[in-house]
């Protein structure tokens, strides 16, 4: 009798480069610089000097999530919630409506009255099924923790915790104009998945806002500086590039 041929097992091919799920940042012009959006579940650091638009960028990121029906959390370590609500109202963003609907959790945390911001924050994110988080600003860690080692330890705990639960987050960091690092404490940029720099430069006697995606893991991104403008509807990133920034 002829031998029966053994059936070949059909092993599933495992893709070496599975397509990453990306989500829109909500900032017009920014997503095209980074393969269409933010990596879902990533931690993203927004660094820049005072007045460069860090808080607006965070609020715009949160507003995009609210528009898409996502539960969002905005933790402010500096301004009060009423100040944030008033600041974004000029762009037509009604945060109060989403707070009442329990879709936005806008909270002030006093770093001088808490010893651990990370554990309770992560518990709340999981309990409320939050999908986007903004924390403004990590600079106050230096006001509460005096020991540089302790500052780095607490920041690492916070950033690693956010990455561990898979929430997409924006965190801001104050960056002096002439700084040679990418963040205030010189450790954040090594933990986060991406670093987005904001800068004002003077050209021809006028100042212009600029943005650069300095680092973004698992993403082919633009390395150039791009002009950005704060409009009546929020921040808009323009297409043209500035290879060199003038002081």
Protein backbone atom coordinates (compact mmCIF):
# COMPACT_ATOMS: atom_id res chain seq x y z
CA UNK A 1 0.00 0.00 0.00
CA UNK A 2 1.27 3.50 -0.83
CA UNK A 3 2.46 5.42 2.15
CA UNK A 4 0.35 8.34 3.21
CA UNK A 5 2.13 11.62 3.06
CA UNK A 6 2.43 13.37 6.38
CA UNK A 7 0.59 16.65 6.46
CA UNK A 8 2.86 19.60 6.72
CA UNK A 9 2.13 21.70 9.77
CA UNK A 10 1.25 25.24 8.93
CA UNK A 11 3.19 27.31 11.42
CA UNK A 12 2.02 30.84 11.82
CA UNK A 13 4.49 33.37 10.62
CA UNK A 14 5.47 35.79 13.32
CA UNK A 15 6.10 39.27 12.07
CA UNK A 16 9.46 40.64 13.12
CA UNK A 17 8.09 44.19 12.98
CA UNK A 18 4.47 44.11 14.12
CA UNK A 19 2.62 47.28 13.22
CA UNK A 20 2.40 49.57 16.22
CA UNK A 21 -0.92 51.05 17.16
CA UNK A 22 -0.75 54.82 17.00
CA UNK A 23 -3.08 57.49 18.31
CA UNK A 24 -3.50 61.09 17.15
CA UNK A 25 -1.84 63.77 19.28
CA UNK A 26 -4.51 66.35 18.48
CA UNK A 27 -1.89 68.89 17.34
CA UNK A 28 -2.35 69.65 13.62
CA UNK A 29 0.87 69.05 11.69
CA UNK A 30 2.67 67.16 14.47
CA UNK A 31 1.59 63.60 13.66
CA UNK A 32 3.02 63.72 10.13
CA UNK A 33 6.46 64.21 11.72
CA UNK A 34 6.22 60.85 13.53
CA UNK A 35 4.68 58.19 11.31
CA UNK A 36 1.11 59.32 11.86
CA UNK A 37 0.86 59.69 15.61
CA UNK A 38 2.00 58.72 19.09
CA UNK A 39 2.71 55.10 19.95
CA UNK A 40 -0.21 53.92 22.07
CA UNK A 41 0.87 53.40 25.68
CA UNK A 42 3.98 55.57 25.33
CA UNK A 43 5.35 58.18 27.72
CA UNK A 44 6.17 61.48 26.02
CA UNK A 45 8.20 64.30 27.55
CA UNK A 46 7.53 67.90 26.48
CA UNK A 47 10.57 70.05 27.32
CA UNK A 48 10.99 73.79 26.94
CA UNK A 49 11.57 77.09 28.67
CA UNK A 50 8.78 79.04 30.36
CA UNK A 51 6.16 80.33 27.94
CA UNK A 52 6.96 78.00 25.05
CA UNK A 53 3.53 76.31 25.05
CA UNK A 54 4.04 73.15 27.11
CA UNK A 55 0.75 73.39 29.03
CA UNK A 56 -1.21 74.20 25.87
CA UNK A 57 0.29 71.17 24.15
CA UNK A 58 -0.75 68.94 27.06
CA UNK A 59 -4.27 70.37 27.12
CA UNK A 60 -4.62 69.91 23.36
CA UNK A 61 -3.53 66.27 23.68
CA UNK A 62 -6.17 65.76 26.38
CA UNK A 63 -8.84 67.57 24.35
CA UNK A 64 -8.26 65.22 21.42
CA UNK A 65 -8.84 62.24 23.69
CA UNK A 66 -12.05 63.73 25.08
CA UNK A 67 -13.34 64.36 21.56
CA UNK A 68 -12.76 60.69 20.83
CA UNK A 69 -14.68 59.51 23.87
CA UNK A 70 -11.62 58.54 25.91
CA UNK A 71 -11.38 58.96 29.68
CA UNK A 72 -8.57 61.44 30.38
CA UNK A 73 -6.68 62.76 33.40
CA UNK A 74 -4.85 66.08 33.73
CA UNK A 75 -2.66 66.37 36.84
CA UNK A 76 -1.42 69.87 37.53
CA UNK A 77 1.37 70.38 40.04
CA UNK A 78 1.51 74.15 39.57
CA UNK A 79 -1.72 75.84 38.42
CA UNK A 80 -5.14 75.30 39.96
CA UNK A 81 -7.81 73.43 37.94
CA UNK A 82 -9.86 76.62 37.54
CA UNK A 83 -6.84 78.31 35.90
CA UNK A 84 -6.44 75.45 33.43
CA UNK A 85 -10.16 75.54 32.61
CA UNK A 86 -9.99 79.30 32.01
CA UNK A 87 -6.80 79.09 29.95
CA UNK A 88 -8.19 76.54 27.47
CA UNK A 89 -11.59 78.19 27.14
CA UNK A 90 -10.05 80.74 24.75
CA UNK A 91 -9.43 77.88 22.31
CA UNK A 92 -13.05 76.73 22.54
CA UNK A 93 -12.25 73.70 24.71
CA UNK A 94 -14.98 73.13 27.30
CA UNK A 95 -13.21 71.09 29.97
CA UNK A 96 -16.01 71.70 32.50
CA UNK A 97 -18.52 69.70 30.46
CA UNK A 98 -16.29 66.62 30.46
CA UNK A 99 -15.48 67.01 34.16
CA UNK A 100 -19.23 66.92 34.93
CA UNK A 101 -19.61 63.86 32.69
CA UNK A 102 -16.73 62.18 34.58
CA UNK A 103 -14.71 61.78 31.42
CA UNK A 104 -12.02 64.26 32.48
CA UNK A 105 -10.32 64.14 35.86
CA UNK A 106 -8.57 67.49 36.31
CA UNK A 107 -6.79 67.56 39.64
CA UNK A 108 -4.22 69.64 41.48
CA UNK A 109 -1.65 67.77 43.56
CA UNK A 110 0.39 69.73 46.09
CA UNK A 111 3.88 68.19 46.04
CA UNK A 112 4.54 69.59 49.51
CA UNK A 113 1.66 67.60 50.99
CA UNK A 114 2.26 64.23 49.38
CA UNK A 115 5.10 61.79 49.85
CA UNK A 116 4.17 59.47 47.00
CA UNK A 117 2.42 60.73 43.88
CA UNK A 118 2.95 57.57 41.83
CA UNK A 119 1.10 54.78 43.66
CA UNK A 120 -2.25 56.55 44.18
CA UNK A 121 -2.07 58.05 40.68
CA UNK A 122 -1.59 54.66 39.01
CA UNK A 123 -4.43 53.19 41.08
CA UNK A 124 -6.77 55.98 39.96
CA UNK A 125 -5.79 55.59 36.30
CA UNK A 126 -6.60 51.87 36.39
CA UNK A 127 -9.79 52.31 38.43
CA UNK A 128 -11.15 55.00 36.09
CA UNK A 129 -9.95 53.25 32.92
CA UNK A 130 -8.07 56.38 31.87
CA UNK A 131 -6.49 56.26 28.42
CA UNK A 132 -4.64 59.61 28.31
CA UNK A 133 -2.73 61.37 31.08
CA UNK A 134 -1.01 64.75 31.19
CA UNK A 135 1.22 65.80 34.09
CA UNK A 136 2.30 69.44 34.27
CA UNK A 137 5.04 69.87 35.47
CA UNK A 138 7.74 67.50 36.73
CA UNK A 139 9.88 70.55 37.59
CA UNK A 140 8.24 70.81 41.02
CA UNK A 141 9.89 67.54 42.06
CA UNK A 142 13.01 69.63 42.62
CA UNK A 143 11.11 71.87 45.05
CA UNK A 144 9.96 68.98 47.21
CA UNK A 145 12.88 66.56 47.00
CA UNK A 146 16.20 68.25 47.75
CA UNK A 147 18.45 65.26 47.20
CA UNK A 148 19.23 64.82 43.45
CA UNK A 149 19.25 61.05 43.89
CA UNK A 150 15.76 61.11 45.42
CA UNK A 151 14.47 63.31 42.60
CA UNK A 152 15.71 60.85 40.00
CA UNK A 153 14.35 57.94 42.00
CA UNK A 154 10.85 59.43 42.22
CA UNK A 155 10.83 60.44 38.55
CA UNK A 156 11.93 56.97 37.51
CA UNK A 157 9.18 55.44 39.63
CA UNK A 158 6.55 57.71 38.07
CA UNK A 159 7.64 57.27 34.45
CA UNK A 160 8.20 53.53 34.74
CA UNK A 161 4.80 53.19 36.41
CA UNK A 162 2.99 55.01 33.61
CA UNK A 163 4.71 52.86 31.00
CA UNK A 164 3.90 49.73 32.96
CA UNK A 165 0.12 50.21 32.91
CA UNK A 166 0.01 51.10 29.21
CA UNK A 167 -1.51 54.59 29.42
CA UNK A 168 -0.45 57.19 26.83
CA UNK A 169 0.99 60.16 28.68
CA UNK A 170 2.40 63.66 28.24
CA UNK A 171 4.69 65.10 30.91
CA UNK A 172 6.26 68.53 30.87
CA UNK A 173 9.72 69.59 32.00
CA UNK A 174 11.18 73.07 32.42
CA UNK A 175 14.31 73.51 30.33
CA UNK A 176 16.56 76.57 30.65
CA UNK A 177 17.29 78.33 27.35
CA UNK A 178 20.97 77.40 27.29
CA UNK A 179 20.60 73.89 28.71
CA UNK A 180 22.70 71.09 27.21
CA UNK A 181 20.32 68.37 28.45
CA UNK A 182 16.83 67.47 27.20
CA UNK A 183 15.11 67.76 30.58
CA UNK A 184 15.49 69.59 33.87
CA UNK A 185 16.98 66.76 35.93
CA UNK A 186 18.94 65.03 33.17
CA UNK A 187 17.33 61.63 33.69
CA UNK A 188 13.82 61.88 32.26
CA UNK A 189 14.94 61.74 28.64
CA UNK A 190 16.48 58.29 29.16
CA UNK A 191 13.30 56.77 30.62
CA UNK A 192 10.59 58.17 28.37
CA UNK A 193 9.71 56.89 24.91
CA UNK A 194 9.87 60.30 23.26
CA UNK A 195 11.16 63.81 23.83
CA UNK A 196 9.52 66.78 22.11
CA UNK A 197 11.37 70.10 22.43
CA UNK A 198 9.75 73.54 22.28
CA UNK A 199 11.75 76.71 21.72
CA UNK A 200 11.28 80.38 20.92
CA UNK A 201 13.94 81.94 18.67
CA UNK A 202 14.51 85.42 17.40
CA UNK A 203 14.64 86.05 13.67
CA UNK A 204 14.74 89.56 12.23
CA UNK A 205 13.76 91.16 15.51
CA UNK A 206 10.75 88.86 16.00
CA UNK A 207 10.26 85.69 18.06
CA UNK A 208 8.84 82.48 16.60
CA UNK A 209 7.80 79.22 18.20
CA UNK A 210 9.52 76.03 17.09
CA UNK A 211 9.09 72.33 17.79
CA UNK A 212 11.37 69.33 17.32
CA UNK A 213 10.76 65.60 17.83
CA UNK A 214 14.16 64.95 19.36
CA UNK A 215 13.59 61.30 20.23
CA UNK A 216 10.83 58.77 19.61
CA UNK A 217 11.32 55.06 20.08
CA UNK A 218 10.05 52.64 17.43
CA UNK A 219 9.39 55.57 15.13
CA UNK A 220 10.98 57.11 12.07
CA UNK A 221 10.59 60.80 12.80
CA UNK A 222 11.72 64.17 11.53
CA UNK A 223 14.86 65.51 13.21
CA UNK A 224 14.37 69.06 11.99
CA UNK A 225 12.94 72.03 13.83
CA UNK A 226 9.50 73.03 12.54
CA UNK A 227 7.74 76.37 13.04
CA UNK A 228 4.66 76.26 15.25
CA UNK A 229 2.00 78.83 15.92
CA UNK A 230 -0.50 79.29 18.75
CA UNK A 231 -3.76 80.03 16.96
CA UNK A 232 -7.30 80.64 18.22
CA UNK A 233 -7.82 76.87 18.02
CA UNK A 234 -4.58 75.80 19.66
CA UNK A 235 -1.08 74.93 18.48
CA UNK A 236 -0.47 74.23 14.80
CA UNK A 237 2.82 72.80 13.48
CA UNK A 238 3.83 74.04 10.05
CA UNK A 239 5.33 71.92 7.30
CA UNK A 240 8.51 73.83 6.52
CA UNK A 241 11.77 72.93 8.25
CA UNK A 242 14.39 75.00 10.02
CA UNK A 243 17.66 73.13 9.99
CA UNK A 244 19.42 75.78 12.05
CA UNK A 245 17.88 77.91 14.78
CA UNK A 246 19.11 81.45 15.23
CA UNK A 247 19.39 82.98 18.68
